[in-house]
N, C-alpha and C. Protein backbone atom coordinates (compact mmCIF):
# COMPACT_ATOMS: atom_id res chain seq x y z
N MET A 1 24.12 -2.01 52.10
CA MET A 1 24.20 -1.76 50.67
C MET A 1 24.01 -0.26 50.45
N SER A 2 24.90 0.31 49.66
CA SER A 2 24.81 1.74 49.41
C SER A 2 23.62 2.05 48.50
N ARG A 3 23.23 3.27 48.54
CA ARG A 3 22.09 3.71 47.71
C ARG A 3 22.40 3.52 46.23
N VAL A 4 23.62 3.81 45.79
CA VAL A 4 24.01 3.65 44.39
C VAL A 4 23.92 2.19 43.99
N ASN A 5 24.43 1.30 44.82
CA ASN A 5 24.36 -0.13 44.52
C ASN A 5 22.92 -0.61 44.46
N LEU A 6 22.08 -0.09 45.34
CA LEU A 6 20.67 -0.47 45.34
C LEU A 6 19.99 -0.04 44.05
N ILE A 7 20.30 1.17 43.58
CA ILE A 7 19.73 1.68 42.33
C ILE A 7 20.22 0.83 41.16
N LEU A 8 21.53 0.49 41.13
CA LEU A 8 22.06 -0.35 40.07
C LEU A 8 21.40 -1.73 40.08
N LEU A 9 21.21 -2.30 41.24
CA LEU A 9 20.55 -3.60 41.35
C LEU A 9 19.11 -3.53 40.86
N LEU A 10 18.43 -2.46 41.22
CA LEU A 10 17.04 -2.27 40.78
C LEU A 10 16.97 -2.12 39.26
N VAL A 11 17.89 -1.35 38.67
CA VAL A 11 17.93 -1.17 37.22
C VAL A 11 18.18 -2.51 36.54
N LEU A 12 19.13 -3.30 37.05
CA LEU A 12 19.41 -4.61 36.46
C LEU A 12 18.21 -5.53 36.58
N PHE A 13 17.54 -5.50 37.73
CA PHE A 13 16.36 -6.34 37.93
C PHE A 13 15.25 -5.96 36.96
N LEU A 14 14.96 -4.67 36.84
CA LEU A 14 13.89 -4.22 35.96
C LEU A 14 14.22 -4.43 34.49
N SER A 15 15.50 -4.35 34.14
CA SER A 15 15.85 -4.56 32.73
C SER A 15 15.65 -6.02 32.33
N GLY A 16 15.64 -6.92 33.29
CA GLY A 16 15.35 -8.31 33.00
C GLY A 16 13.92 -8.52 32.53
N CYS A 17 13.03 -7.58 32.86
CA CYS A 17 11.63 -7.66 32.43
C CYS A 17 11.45 -7.16 30.99
N ALA A 18 12.41 -6.43 30.50
CA ALA A 18 12.29 -5.88 29.14
C ALA A 18 12.50 -7.00 28.11
N HIS A 19 11.87 -6.86 26.98
CA HIS A 19 12.01 -7.84 25.91
C HIS A 19 12.81 -7.21 24.78
N PHE A 20 14.07 -7.60 24.70
CA PHE A 20 14.93 -7.03 23.69
C PHE A 20 14.98 -7.89 22.42
N ASP A 21 14.32 -9.06 22.47
CA ASP A 21 14.39 -9.95 21.33
C ASP A 21 13.25 -9.74 20.33
N ARG A 22 12.35 -8.82 20.57
CA ARG A 22 11.25 -8.59 19.63
C ARG A 22 11.55 -7.34 18.80
N PRO A 23 11.10 -7.36 17.56
CA PRO A 23 11.35 -6.18 16.72
C PRO A 23 10.44 -5.02 17.13
N ASP A 24 10.89 -3.82 16.85
CA ASP A 24 10.05 -2.66 17.14
C ASP A 24 9.24 -2.25 15.91
N GLN A 25 9.38 -3.00 14.83
CA GLN A 25 8.60 -2.78 13.61
C GLN A 25 8.27 -4.12 12.98
N VAL A 26 7.21 -4.13 12.22
CA VAL A 26 6.85 -5.32 11.45
C VAL A 26 6.75 -4.93 9.99
N SER A 27 6.84 -5.90 9.11
CA SER A 27 6.72 -5.64 7.68
C SER A 27 5.44 -6.27 7.16
N LEU A 28 4.66 -5.50 6.46
CA LEU A 28 3.44 -5.97 5.81
C LEU A 28 3.52 -5.59 4.34
N SER A 29 2.93 -6.40 3.51
CA SER A 29 2.91 -6.07 2.08
C SER A 29 2.07 -4.82 1.85
N LEU A 30 2.61 -3.89 1.10
CA LEU A 30 1.91 -2.67 0.75
C LEU A 30 1.18 -2.91 -0.57
N LEU A 31 -0.13 -2.76 -0.54
CA LEU A 31 -0.96 -3.02 -1.71
C LEU A 31 -1.53 -1.71 -2.25
N THR A 32 -1.82 -1.69 -3.54
CA THR A 32 -2.38 -0.50 -4.17
C THR A 32 -3.84 -0.75 -4.52
N GLY A 33 -4.66 0.25 -4.28
CA GLY A 33 -6.07 0.20 -4.65
C GLY A 33 -6.50 1.53 -5.21
N TRP A 34 -7.80 1.67 -5.43
CA TRP A 34 -8.36 2.90 -5.96
C TRP A 34 -9.48 3.42 -5.05
N VAL A 35 -9.56 4.72 -4.91
CA VAL A 35 -10.68 5.41 -4.26
C VAL A 35 -10.96 6.65 -5.09
N ASP A 36 -12.16 6.75 -5.60
CA ASP A 36 -12.58 7.93 -6.37
C ASP A 36 -11.58 8.31 -7.46
N GLY A 37 -11.02 7.32 -8.13
CA GLY A 37 -10.10 7.57 -9.23
C GLY A 37 -8.67 7.84 -8.82
N ASN A 38 -8.40 7.82 -7.53
CA ASN A 38 -7.05 8.10 -7.03
C ASN A 38 -6.44 6.84 -6.42
N PRO A 39 -5.14 6.64 -6.64
CA PRO A 39 -4.50 5.47 -6.02
C PRO A 39 -4.38 5.66 -4.51
N VAL A 40 -4.58 4.58 -3.77
CA VAL A 40 -4.36 4.56 -2.33
C VAL A 40 -3.53 3.33 -2.02
N TYR A 41 -2.88 3.34 -0.87
CA TYR A 41 -2.04 2.23 -0.46
C TYR A 41 -2.57 1.72 0.87
N TYR A 42 -2.61 0.40 1.00
CA TYR A 42 -3.19 -0.19 2.19
C TYR A 42 -2.46 -1.48 2.56
N VAL A 43 -2.72 -1.96 3.77
CA VAL A 43 -2.21 -3.24 4.22
C VAL A 43 -3.40 -4.10 4.64
N THR A 44 -3.22 -5.40 4.55
CA THR A 44 -4.26 -6.32 4.99
C THR A 44 -3.74 -7.05 6.22
N THR A 45 -4.48 -6.94 7.32
CA THR A 45 -4.04 -7.58 8.56
C THR A 45 -4.89 -8.78 8.95
N ASP A 46 -6.20 -8.75 8.64
CA ASP A 46 -7.11 -9.79 9.10
C ASP A 46 -8.17 -10.08 8.03
N VAL A 47 -8.56 -11.36 7.93
CA VAL A 47 -9.56 -11.78 6.95
C VAL A 47 -10.46 -12.83 7.60
N SER A 48 -11.76 -12.74 7.34
CA SER A 48 -12.71 -13.68 7.95
C SER A 48 -12.77 -15.04 7.25
N ASP A 49 -12.13 -15.17 6.11
CA ASP A 49 -12.11 -16.42 5.34
C ASP A 49 -10.73 -17.06 5.48
N SER A 50 -10.67 -18.31 5.94
CA SER A 50 -9.37 -18.93 6.23
C SER A 50 -8.51 -19.10 4.98
N GLU A 51 -9.10 -19.52 3.87
CA GLU A 51 -8.32 -19.72 2.64
C GLU A 51 -7.75 -18.39 2.14
N MET A 52 -8.58 -17.35 2.16
CA MET A 52 -8.11 -16.04 1.71
C MET A 52 -7.04 -15.49 2.66
N ALA A 53 -7.23 -15.70 3.96
CA ALA A 53 -6.23 -15.24 4.93
C ALA A 53 -4.89 -15.91 4.66
N SER A 54 -4.92 -17.20 4.36
CA SER A 54 -3.70 -17.93 4.05
C SER A 54 -3.03 -17.37 2.80
N GLN A 55 -3.81 -17.12 1.75
CA GLN A 55 -3.26 -16.59 0.50
C GLN A 55 -2.67 -15.20 0.68
N MET A 56 -3.26 -14.42 1.58
CA MET A 56 -2.82 -13.03 1.75
C MET A 56 -1.78 -12.87 2.86
N GLY A 57 -1.47 -13.94 3.57
CA GLY A 57 -0.52 -13.84 4.67
C GLY A 57 -1.07 -13.01 5.82
N ALA A 58 -2.38 -13.11 6.05
CA ALA A 58 -3.05 -12.31 7.08
C ALA A 58 -3.55 -13.22 8.19
N ASN A 59 -3.97 -12.60 9.28
CA ASN A 59 -4.59 -13.35 10.37
C ASN A 59 -5.95 -13.87 9.91
N TYR A 60 -6.25 -15.11 10.26
CA TYR A 60 -7.59 -15.63 10.05
C TYR A 60 -8.41 -15.17 11.25
N ALA A 61 -9.44 -14.37 10.99
CA ALA A 61 -10.25 -13.77 12.04
C ALA A 61 -11.73 -14.01 11.74
N PRO A 62 -12.23 -15.23 12.01
CA PRO A 62 -13.61 -15.54 11.66
C PRO A 62 -14.63 -14.64 12.35
N ARG A 63 -14.29 -14.08 13.48
CA ARG A 63 -15.23 -13.22 14.19
C ARG A 63 -15.57 -11.96 13.42
N LEU A 64 -14.74 -11.55 12.48
CA LEU A 64 -15.05 -10.38 11.67
C LEU A 64 -16.40 -10.54 10.97
N SER A 65 -16.79 -11.78 10.67
CA SER A 65 -18.07 -12.01 10.02
C SER A 65 -19.25 -11.54 10.87
N SER A 66 -19.04 -11.41 12.17
CA SER A 66 -20.11 -10.93 13.05
C SER A 66 -20.49 -9.49 12.75
N ALA A 67 -19.66 -8.78 12.03
CA ALA A 67 -19.95 -7.38 11.69
C ALA A 67 -20.96 -7.26 10.56
N ILE A 68 -21.23 -8.36 9.86
CA ILE A 68 -22.17 -8.31 8.73
C ILE A 68 -23.59 -8.17 9.27
N PRO A 69 -24.30 -7.12 8.87
CA PRO A 69 -25.67 -6.93 9.36
C PRO A 69 -26.64 -7.89 8.67
N ALA A 70 -27.80 -8.02 9.26
CA ALA A 70 -28.85 -8.83 8.63
C ALA A 70 -29.29 -8.12 7.35
N TYR A 71 -29.44 -8.88 6.29
CA TYR A 71 -29.89 -8.33 5.01
C TYR A 71 -31.30 -8.80 4.73
N PRO A 72 -32.13 -8.05 4.05
CA PRO A 72 -31.80 -6.73 3.51
C PRO A 72 -31.79 -5.68 4.62
N LYS A 73 -30.93 -4.71 4.46
CA LYS A 73 -30.86 -3.61 5.42
C LYS A 73 -31.18 -2.32 4.68
N PRO A 74 -31.80 -1.38 5.35
CA PRO A 74 -32.09 -0.10 4.70
C PRO A 74 -30.80 0.62 4.33
N PRO A 75 -30.74 1.29 3.18
CA PRO A 75 -29.51 1.98 2.76
C PRO A 75 -29.02 3.02 3.76
N GLN A 76 -29.95 3.63 4.50
CA GLN A 76 -29.54 4.67 5.44
C GLN A 76 -28.90 4.10 6.71
N LEU A 77 -29.02 2.78 6.92
CA LEU A 77 -28.41 2.15 8.08
C LEU A 77 -26.92 1.99 7.82
N LYS A 78 -26.12 2.76 8.55
CA LYS A 78 -24.67 2.68 8.41
C LYS A 78 -24.13 1.69 9.43
N THR A 79 -23.16 0.90 9.01
CA THR A 79 -22.51 -0.06 9.89
C THR A 79 -21.01 0.20 9.83
N VAL A 80 -20.25 -0.59 10.58
CA VAL A 80 -18.80 -0.46 10.57
C VAL A 80 -18.21 -0.87 9.22
N LEU A 81 -18.99 -1.62 8.44
CA LEU A 81 -18.49 -2.13 7.17
C LEU A 81 -18.64 -1.13 6.03
N GLU A 82 -17.60 -1.02 5.25
CA GLU A 82 -17.62 -0.30 3.99
C GLU A 82 -17.49 -1.36 2.90
N ARG A 83 -17.64 -0.95 1.66
CA ARG A 83 -17.51 -1.88 0.53
C ARG A 83 -16.11 -1.81 -0.07
N VAL A 84 -15.58 -3.00 -0.38
CA VAL A 84 -14.37 -3.10 -1.19
C VAL A 84 -14.70 -4.04 -2.33
N TYR A 85 -14.25 -3.68 -3.53
CA TYR A 85 -14.57 -4.44 -4.73
C TYR A 85 -13.31 -5.13 -5.24
N ALA A 86 -13.42 -6.45 -5.43
CA ALA A 86 -12.30 -7.24 -5.94
C ALA A 86 -12.71 -7.87 -7.27
N PHE A 87 -11.73 -8.24 -8.04
CA PHE A 87 -11.93 -8.79 -9.38
C PHE A 87 -11.37 -10.20 -9.42
N PRO A 88 -12.22 -11.21 -9.13
CA PRO A 88 -11.73 -12.57 -8.93
C PRO A 88 -11.13 -13.24 -10.16
N LYS A 89 -11.46 -12.78 -11.34
CA LYS A 89 -10.91 -13.40 -12.56
C LYS A 89 -9.64 -12.71 -13.04
N GLY A 90 -9.17 -11.72 -12.27
CA GLY A 90 -7.90 -11.10 -12.57
C GLY A 90 -7.90 -10.04 -13.65
N GLU A 91 -9.08 -9.59 -14.10
CA GLU A 91 -9.11 -8.55 -15.12
C GLU A 91 -8.51 -7.25 -14.59
N GLN A 92 -8.52 -7.10 -13.28
CA GLN A 92 -7.98 -5.90 -12.66
C GLN A 92 -7.25 -6.31 -11.39
N LYS A 93 -6.03 -5.82 -11.25
CA LYS A 93 -5.20 -6.18 -10.10
C LYS A 93 -5.62 -5.43 -8.84
N ASN A 94 -5.92 -4.15 -8.97
CA ASN A 94 -6.15 -3.31 -7.80
C ASN A 94 -7.62 -3.29 -7.39
N ASN A 95 -7.86 -3.51 -6.11
CA ASN A 95 -9.21 -3.41 -5.57
C ASN A 95 -9.69 -1.97 -5.58
N VAL A 96 -10.99 -1.78 -5.49
CA VAL A 96 -11.59 -0.45 -5.43
C VAL A 96 -12.27 -0.32 -4.08
N PHE A 97 -11.92 0.73 -3.35
CA PHE A 97 -12.49 1.01 -2.04
C PHE A 97 -13.52 2.13 -2.14
N ALA A 98 -14.51 2.06 -1.27
CA ALA A 98 -15.57 3.07 -1.28
C ALA A 98 -15.13 4.38 -0.62
N SER A 99 -14.12 4.33 0.24
CA SER A 99 -13.69 5.56 0.93
C SER A 99 -12.26 5.41 1.41
N ALA A 100 -11.70 6.51 1.85
CA ALA A 100 -10.38 6.56 2.47
C ALA A 100 -10.43 7.65 3.52
N PRO A 101 -9.59 7.58 4.54
CA PRO A 101 -9.63 8.63 5.57
C PRO A 101 -9.21 9.98 4.99
N ALA A 102 -9.89 11.03 5.41
CA ALA A 102 -9.56 12.36 4.91
C ALA A 102 -9.56 13.36 6.06
N PRO A 103 -8.41 13.93 6.33
CA PRO A 103 -7.08 13.57 5.83
C PRO A 103 -6.60 12.28 6.49
N LEU A 104 -5.49 11.78 6.03
CA LEU A 104 -4.90 10.57 6.57
C LEU A 104 -4.42 10.81 8.00
N GLY A 105 -4.55 9.83 8.84
CA GLY A 105 -3.98 9.90 10.18
C GLY A 105 -4.94 10.39 11.24
N TYR A 106 -4.38 10.83 12.34
CA TYR A 106 -5.17 11.20 13.52
C TYR A 106 -6.04 12.43 13.30
N GLU A 107 -5.78 13.21 12.28
CA GLU A 107 -6.59 14.41 12.02
C GLU A 107 -7.84 14.13 11.20
N SER A 108 -8.02 12.87 10.77
CA SER A 108 -9.18 12.53 9.95
C SER A 108 -10.48 12.79 10.71
N GLU A 109 -11.40 13.41 10.02
CA GLU A 109 -12.73 13.65 10.56
C GLU A 109 -13.78 12.99 9.68
N ASP A 110 -13.35 12.11 8.80
CA ASP A 110 -14.23 11.45 7.85
C ASP A 110 -15.04 10.37 8.57
N ILE A 111 -16.31 10.61 8.79
CA ILE A 111 -17.15 9.65 9.50
C ILE A 111 -17.56 8.48 8.63
N ASN A 112 -17.29 8.53 7.34
CA ASN A 112 -17.65 7.43 6.44
C ASN A 112 -16.56 6.38 6.30
N TYR A 113 -15.34 6.72 6.69
CA TYR A 113 -14.24 5.78 6.52
C TYR A 113 -14.23 4.74 7.64
N SER A 114 -13.99 3.50 7.25
CA SER A 114 -13.74 2.41 8.19
C SER A 114 -12.71 1.50 7.55
N PRO A 115 -11.77 0.96 8.31
CA PRO A 115 -10.80 0.03 7.74
C PRO A 115 -11.34 -1.40 7.62
N VAL A 116 -12.61 -1.58 7.97
CA VAL A 116 -13.24 -2.90 7.93
C VAL A 116 -14.17 -2.94 6.72
N TRP A 117 -13.93 -3.91 5.84
CA TRP A 117 -14.59 -3.93 4.53
C TRP A 117 -15.33 -5.23 4.31
N LEU A 118 -16.49 -5.13 3.69
CA LEU A 118 -17.22 -6.29 3.21
C LEU A 118 -16.89 -6.42 1.73
N MET A 119 -16.40 -7.59 1.34
CA MET A 119 -15.93 -7.77 -0.03
C MET A 119 -17.08 -8.04 -1.00
N TYR A 120 -17.02 -7.34 -2.11
CA TYR A 120 -17.93 -7.53 -3.25
C TYR A 120 -17.08 -7.96 -4.43
N LEU A 121 -17.57 -8.94 -5.17
CA LEU A 121 -16.84 -9.41 -6.34
C LEU A 121 -17.43 -8.77 -7.59
N VAL A 122 -16.55 -8.31 -8.46
CA VAL A 122 -16.96 -7.70 -9.73
C VAL A 122 -16.50 -8.63 -10.85
N GLU A 123 -17.47 -9.13 -11.61
CA GLU A 123 -17.16 -10.03 -12.71
C GLU A 123 -17.62 -9.40 -14.01
N TRP A 124 -16.72 -9.37 -14.98
CA TRP A 124 -17.05 -8.82 -16.29
C TRP A 124 -17.94 -9.79 -17.06
N LEU A 125 -19.03 -9.27 -17.60
CA LEU A 125 -19.95 -10.06 -18.42
C LEU A 125 -19.69 -9.87 -19.90
N VAL A 126 -19.14 -8.70 -20.26
CA VAL A 126 -18.86 -8.37 -21.66
C VAL A 126 -17.35 -8.15 -21.77
N SER A 127 -16.65 -9.16 -22.27
CA SER A 127 -15.18 -9.09 -22.29
C SER A 127 -14.65 -7.99 -23.19
N ASP A 128 -15.40 -7.58 -24.19
CA ASP A 128 -14.95 -6.49 -25.08
C ASP A 128 -14.89 -5.15 -24.36
N ASN A 129 -15.59 -5.03 -23.26
CA ASN A 129 -15.65 -3.76 -22.54
C ASN A 129 -14.74 -3.69 -21.32
N VAL A 130 -13.91 -4.69 -21.11
CA VAL A 130 -13.05 -4.72 -19.93
C VAL A 130 -12.14 -3.50 -19.93
N GLN A 131 -12.13 -2.82 -18.81
CA GLN A 131 -11.29 -1.64 -18.60
C GLN A 131 -11.02 -1.53 -17.11
N GLU A 132 -10.05 -0.73 -16.74
CA GLU A 132 -9.77 -0.55 -15.32
C GLU A 132 -10.82 0.37 -14.71
N LEU A 133 -11.44 -0.11 -13.65
CA LEU A 133 -12.44 0.66 -12.92
C LEU A 133 -11.75 1.23 -11.69
N ARG A 134 -11.84 2.55 -11.51
CA ARG A 134 -11.05 3.21 -10.47
C ARG A 134 -11.88 3.84 -9.36
N SER A 135 -13.19 3.61 -9.39
CA SER A 135 -14.04 4.17 -8.34
C SER A 135 -15.30 3.33 -8.21
N GLU A 136 -15.98 3.49 -7.08
CA GLU A 136 -17.25 2.81 -6.90
C GLU A 136 -18.24 3.28 -7.96
N GLY A 137 -18.19 4.56 -8.31
CA GLY A 137 -19.05 5.10 -9.36
C GLY A 137 -18.82 4.42 -10.70
N ASP A 138 -17.53 4.18 -11.05
CA ASP A 138 -17.21 3.46 -12.29
C ASP A 138 -17.83 2.07 -12.28
N ILE A 139 -17.77 1.41 -11.13
CA ILE A 139 -18.31 0.05 -11.02
C ILE A 139 -19.83 0.07 -11.18
N PHE A 140 -20.49 1.02 -10.52
CA PHE A 140 -21.95 1.12 -10.64
C PHE A 140 -22.36 1.46 -12.07
N LYS A 141 -21.59 2.31 -12.74
CA LYS A 141 -21.90 2.66 -14.14
C LYS A 141 -21.76 1.43 -15.04
N ALA A 142 -20.68 0.66 -14.83
CA ALA A 142 -20.48 -0.55 -15.63
C ALA A 142 -21.60 -1.56 -15.37
N GLU A 143 -22.06 -1.61 -14.13
CA GLU A 143 -23.17 -2.51 -13.80
C GLU A 143 -24.46 -2.06 -14.49
N SER A 144 -24.72 -0.74 -14.45
CA SER A 144 -25.96 -0.24 -15.08
C SER A 144 -25.97 -0.45 -16.59
N GLN A 145 -24.78 -0.56 -17.20
CA GLN A 145 -24.68 -0.81 -18.64
C GLN A 145 -24.69 -2.31 -18.96
N GLY A 146 -24.77 -3.14 -17.91
CA GLY A 146 -24.80 -4.58 -18.13
C GLY A 146 -23.44 -5.19 -18.42
N TRP A 147 -22.37 -4.46 -18.13
CA TRP A 147 -21.03 -4.95 -18.42
C TRP A 147 -20.48 -5.84 -17.32
N VAL A 148 -20.89 -5.56 -16.05
CA VAL A 148 -20.37 -6.32 -14.92
C VAL A 148 -21.51 -6.79 -14.02
N LYS A 149 -21.20 -7.81 -13.27
CA LYS A 149 -22.11 -8.31 -12.24
C LYS A 149 -21.39 -8.12 -10.90
N ILE A 150 -22.10 -7.56 -9.91
CA ILE A 150 -21.53 -7.35 -8.59
C ILE A 150 -22.20 -8.34 -7.63
N THR A 151 -21.37 -9.08 -6.90
CA THR A 151 -21.88 -10.08 -5.97
C THR A 151 -21.33 -9.82 -4.58
N ARG A 152 -22.23 -9.70 -3.61
CA ARG A 152 -21.80 -9.52 -2.21
C ARG A 152 -21.34 -10.86 -1.67
N THR A 153 -20.23 -10.86 -0.94
CA THR A 153 -19.74 -12.07 -0.29
C THR A 153 -19.98 -11.94 1.22
N ASN A 154 -19.56 -12.92 1.95
CA ASN A 154 -19.57 -12.86 3.41
C ASN A 154 -18.15 -12.76 3.95
N VAL A 155 -17.24 -12.27 3.12
CA VAL A 155 -15.84 -12.12 3.52
C VAL A 155 -15.64 -10.69 4.02
N VAL A 156 -15.13 -10.59 5.24
CA VAL A 156 -14.83 -9.29 5.85
C VAL A 156 -13.31 -9.21 6.00
N VAL A 157 -12.75 -8.07 5.60
CA VAL A 157 -11.30 -7.87 5.69
C VAL A 157 -11.00 -6.59 6.44
N ASN A 158 -9.90 -6.62 7.17
CA ASN A 158 -9.41 -5.42 7.83
C ASN A 158 -8.22 -4.93 7.01
N CYS A 159 -8.43 -3.83 6.28
CA CYS A 159 -7.42 -3.29 5.37
C CYS A 159 -7.31 -1.79 5.57
N PRO A 160 -6.56 -1.33 6.56
CA PRO A 160 -6.43 0.11 6.74
C PRO A 160 -5.64 0.77 5.61
N VAL A 161 -6.14 1.91 5.19
CA VAL A 161 -5.45 2.74 4.20
C VAL A 161 -4.31 3.45 4.91
N VAL A 162 -3.09 3.32 4.40
CA VAL A 162 -1.92 3.92 5.06
C VAL A 162 -1.29 5.06 4.27
N SER A 163 -1.75 5.27 3.02
CA SER A 163 -1.28 6.41 2.23
C SER A 163 -2.32 6.72 1.17
N ILE A 164 -2.55 8.00 0.97
CA ILE A 164 -3.49 8.44 -0.05
C ILE A 164 -2.75 8.96 -1.27
N ASP A 165 -1.66 9.62 -1.04
CA ASP A 165 -0.94 10.24 -2.15
C ASP A 165 0.32 9.49 -2.56
N GLY A 166 0.68 8.45 -1.84
CA GLY A 166 1.90 7.70 -2.16
C GLY A 166 3.17 8.41 -1.71
N GLN A 167 3.04 9.58 -1.12
CA GLN A 167 4.19 10.34 -0.64
C GLN A 167 4.30 10.29 0.88
N ARG A 168 3.17 10.55 1.52
CA ARG A 168 3.14 10.52 2.99
C ARG A 168 2.46 9.22 3.43
N PHE A 169 3.06 8.55 4.38
CA PHE A 169 2.50 7.31 4.89
C PHE A 169 2.14 7.48 6.35
N LEU A 170 1.21 6.70 6.79
CA LEU A 170 0.67 6.82 8.13
C LEU A 170 1.76 6.82 9.19
N SER A 171 2.76 5.98 9.08
CA SER A 171 3.78 5.89 10.12
C SER A 171 4.70 7.10 10.18
N THR A 172 4.69 7.95 9.17
CA THR A 172 5.60 9.10 9.15
C THR A 172 4.87 10.42 9.30
N LEU A 173 3.60 10.37 9.64
CA LEU A 173 2.84 11.62 9.80
C LEU A 173 3.13 12.27 11.11
């Protein structure tokens, strides 16, 4: 067998190991949220609650709950979990995140950002005061005024922020 034929045979053999039937991209729903009064865009990939995972079209990942620390925990104890605030009665469509990577992508040096979130529910107590809350500070202010009640859940979600300005996205950086 000539060297050229051997190389061609080897290429054909090795190409049989390649998977040409899988896509090189996937599609995830792009969701909008708020961080410090600014819109951010994120995707949800995994949720520790099976019903919520089903509703969101995400992976059910019960092990994410293992990231929840024992409570009460001292405020200075930082964990992998950040807070995300959701509005279960629908008064507000967009969730509020406590942080976002700064800058977006591999250059981020923000030690406070994590794509793993512990969900807190925000419920309006005074319907006359309902307004869009766009930051964690807005939520805390509304709570201090007695307008909302904040409840910690045991739901952990993996929701990486993929755009901060709506112009540049993580995959195109």
